[in-house]
Amino acid sequence: MLGLSVNTVYCWVCQKRIPYLKIGRLTKFSKEDINNWIEKKKVAAITV
């Protein structure tokens, strides 16, 4: 979905840079949370 390697995603989880849920030993991701996170990270285009 993000076009990132699994290692990068789990590195971001360790750094708390991406939203996730921890259920026991499992790490889960909500599509809605990830989409909202992506929207917040967007950079607005500059029009000239």
N, C-alpha and C. Protein backbone atom coordinates (compact mmCIF):
# COMPACT_ATOMS: atom_id res chain seq x y z
N MET A 1 0.81 -1.20 0.00
CA MET A 1 0.00 0.00 0.00
C MET A 1 0.86 1.26 0.00
N LEU A 2 1.95 1.26 0.75
CA LEU A 2 2.82 2.44 0.83
C LEU A 2 3.98 2.39 -0.15
N GLY A 3 4.26 1.23 -0.68
CA GLY A 3 5.40 1.11 -1.58
C GLY A 3 6.73 1.10 -0.84
N LEU A 4 6.70 0.70 0.42
CA LEU A 4 7.91 0.64 1.25
C LEU A 4 8.25 -0.81 1.56
N SER A 5 9.51 -1.05 1.89
CA SER A 5 9.89 -2.40 2.29
C SER A 5 9.34 -2.70 3.68
N VAL A 6 9.19 -3.97 3.97
CA VAL A 6 8.71 -4.40 5.29
C VAL A 6 9.66 -3.89 6.37
N ASN A 7 10.96 -3.95 6.11
CA ASN A 7 11.94 -3.49 7.09
C ASN A 7 11.76 -2.01 7.40
N THR A 8 11.48 -1.20 6.39
CA THR A 8 11.27 0.23 6.60
C THR A 8 10.03 0.47 7.46
N VAL A 9 8.95 -0.22 7.15
CA VAL A 9 7.71 -0.06 7.92
C VAL A 9 7.95 -0.41 9.38
N TYR A 10 8.59 -1.53 9.66
CA TYR A 10 8.82 -1.92 11.05
C TYR A 10 9.85 -1.02 11.73
N CYS A 11 10.76 -0.46 10.98
CA CYS A 11 11.68 0.54 11.55
C CYS A 11 10.90 1.77 11.98
N TRP A 12 9.95 2.21 11.13
CA TRP A 12 9.10 3.35 11.46
C TRP A 12 8.21 3.04 12.66
N VAL A 13 7.78 1.78 12.81
CA VAL A 13 6.99 1.38 13.97
C VAL A 13 7.84 1.56 15.24
N CYS A 14 9.07 1.10 15.20
CA CYS A 14 9.97 1.24 16.35
C CYS A 14 10.20 2.70 16.71
N GLN A 15 10.21 3.57 15.70
CA GLN A 15 10.43 5.01 15.90
C GLN A 15 9.12 5.75 16.15
N LYS A 16 7.99 5.03 16.14
CA LYS A 16 6.65 5.60 16.31
C LYS A 16 6.36 6.70 15.29
N ARG A 17 6.79 6.48 14.05
CA ARG A 17 6.57 7.44 12.96
C ARG A 17 5.32 7.14 12.16
N ILE A 18 4.71 5.98 12.38
CA ILE A 18 3.56 5.53 11.60
C ILE A 18 2.52 4.96 12.57
N PRO A 19 1.22 5.19 12.32
CA PRO A 19 0.21 4.66 13.25
C PRO A 19 0.08 3.14 13.14
N TYR A 20 -0.01 2.49 14.28
CA TYR A 20 -0.13 1.03 14.32
C TYR A 20 -0.82 0.60 15.61
N LEU A 21 -1.25 -0.64 15.65
CA LEU A 21 -1.84 -1.25 16.84
C LEU A 21 -0.98 -2.44 17.24
N LYS A 22 -0.77 -2.61 18.52
CA LYS A 22 -0.04 -3.76 19.02
C LYS A 22 -1.04 -4.66 19.73
N ILE A 23 -1.20 -5.88 19.26
CA ILE A 23 -2.08 -6.86 19.89
C ILE A 23 -1.20 -8.05 20.25
N GLY A 24 -0.81 -8.12 21.51
CA GLY A 24 0.15 -9.14 21.92
C GLY A 24 1.46 -8.92 21.19
N ARG A 25 1.91 -9.93 20.46
CA ARG A 25 3.14 -9.82 19.68
C ARG A 25 2.89 -9.34 18.27
N LEU A 26 1.61 -9.23 17.88
CA LEU A 26 1.27 -8.83 16.51
C LEU A 26 1.23 -7.32 16.37
N THR A 27 1.69 -6.83 15.25
CA THR A 27 1.59 -5.42 14.90
C THR A 27 0.59 -5.32 13.76
N LYS A 28 -0.46 -4.53 13.98
CA LYS A 28 -1.53 -4.39 12.98
C LYS A 28 -1.60 -2.94 12.52
N PHE A 29 -2.11 -2.75 11.29
CA PHE A 29 -2.25 -1.43 10.70
C PHE A 29 -3.68 -1.26 10.21
N SER A 30 -4.29 -0.12 10.51
CA SER A 30 -5.63 0.19 10.04
C SER A 30 -5.50 0.99 8.75
N LYS A 31 -6.20 0.55 7.69
CA LYS A 31 -6.16 1.28 6.42
C LYS A 31 -6.61 2.72 6.60
N GLU A 32 -7.65 2.91 7.41
CA GLU A 32 -8.17 4.27 7.65
C GLU A 32 -7.12 5.14 8.34
N ASP A 33 -6.46 4.60 9.36
CA ASP A 33 -5.41 5.36 10.06
C ASP A 33 -4.24 5.68 9.13
N ILE A 34 -3.85 4.73 8.30
CA ILE A 34 -2.74 4.95 7.37
C ILE A 34 -3.12 6.00 6.34
N ASN A 35 -4.35 5.93 5.80
CA ASN A 35 -4.80 6.93 4.83
C ASN A 35 -4.85 8.33 5.44
N ASN A 36 -5.33 8.44 6.69
CA ASN A 36 -5.35 9.73 7.38
C ASN A 36 -3.94 10.25 7.61
N TRP A 37 -3.04 9.36 7.98
CA TRP A 37 -1.64 9.73 8.21
C TRP A 37 -1.01 10.25 6.92
N ILE A 38 -1.30 9.58 5.79
CA ILE A 38 -0.78 10.00 4.50
C ILE A 38 -1.31 11.40 4.16
N GLU A 39 -2.60 11.63 4.38
CA GLU A 39 -3.20 12.94 4.09
C GLU A 39 -2.54 14.05 4.91
N LYS A 40 -2.22 13.77 6.16
CA LYS A 40 -1.55 14.76 7.02
C LYS A 40 -0.14 15.06 6.54
N LYS A 41 0.51 14.08 5.90
CA LYS A 41 1.90 14.24 5.46
C LYS A 41 2.02 14.91 4.10
N LYS A 42 0.91 15.10 3.40
CA LYS A 42 0.96 15.71 2.08
C LYS A 42 1.50 17.13 2.15
N VAL A 43 2.26 17.49 1.14
CA VAL A 43 2.78 18.85 1.01
C VAL A 43 1.97 19.55 -0.07
N ALA A 44 1.47 20.72 0.26
CA ALA A 44 0.64 21.46 -0.70
C ALA A 44 1.50 21.95 -1.87
N ALA A 45 0.93 21.88 -3.06
CA ALA A 45 1.64 22.37 -4.25
C ALA A 45 1.58 23.89 -4.29
N ILE A 46 2.62 24.47 -4.80
CA ILE A 46 2.68 25.93 -4.96
C ILE A 46 2.28 26.27 -6.38
N THR A 47 1.30 27.14 -6.52
CA THR A 47 0.89 27.57 -7.86
C THR A 47 1.47 28.95 -8.12
N VAL A 48 1.93 29.13 -9.33
CA VAL A 48 2.57 30.39 -9.70
C VAL A 48 1.68 31.16 -10.63
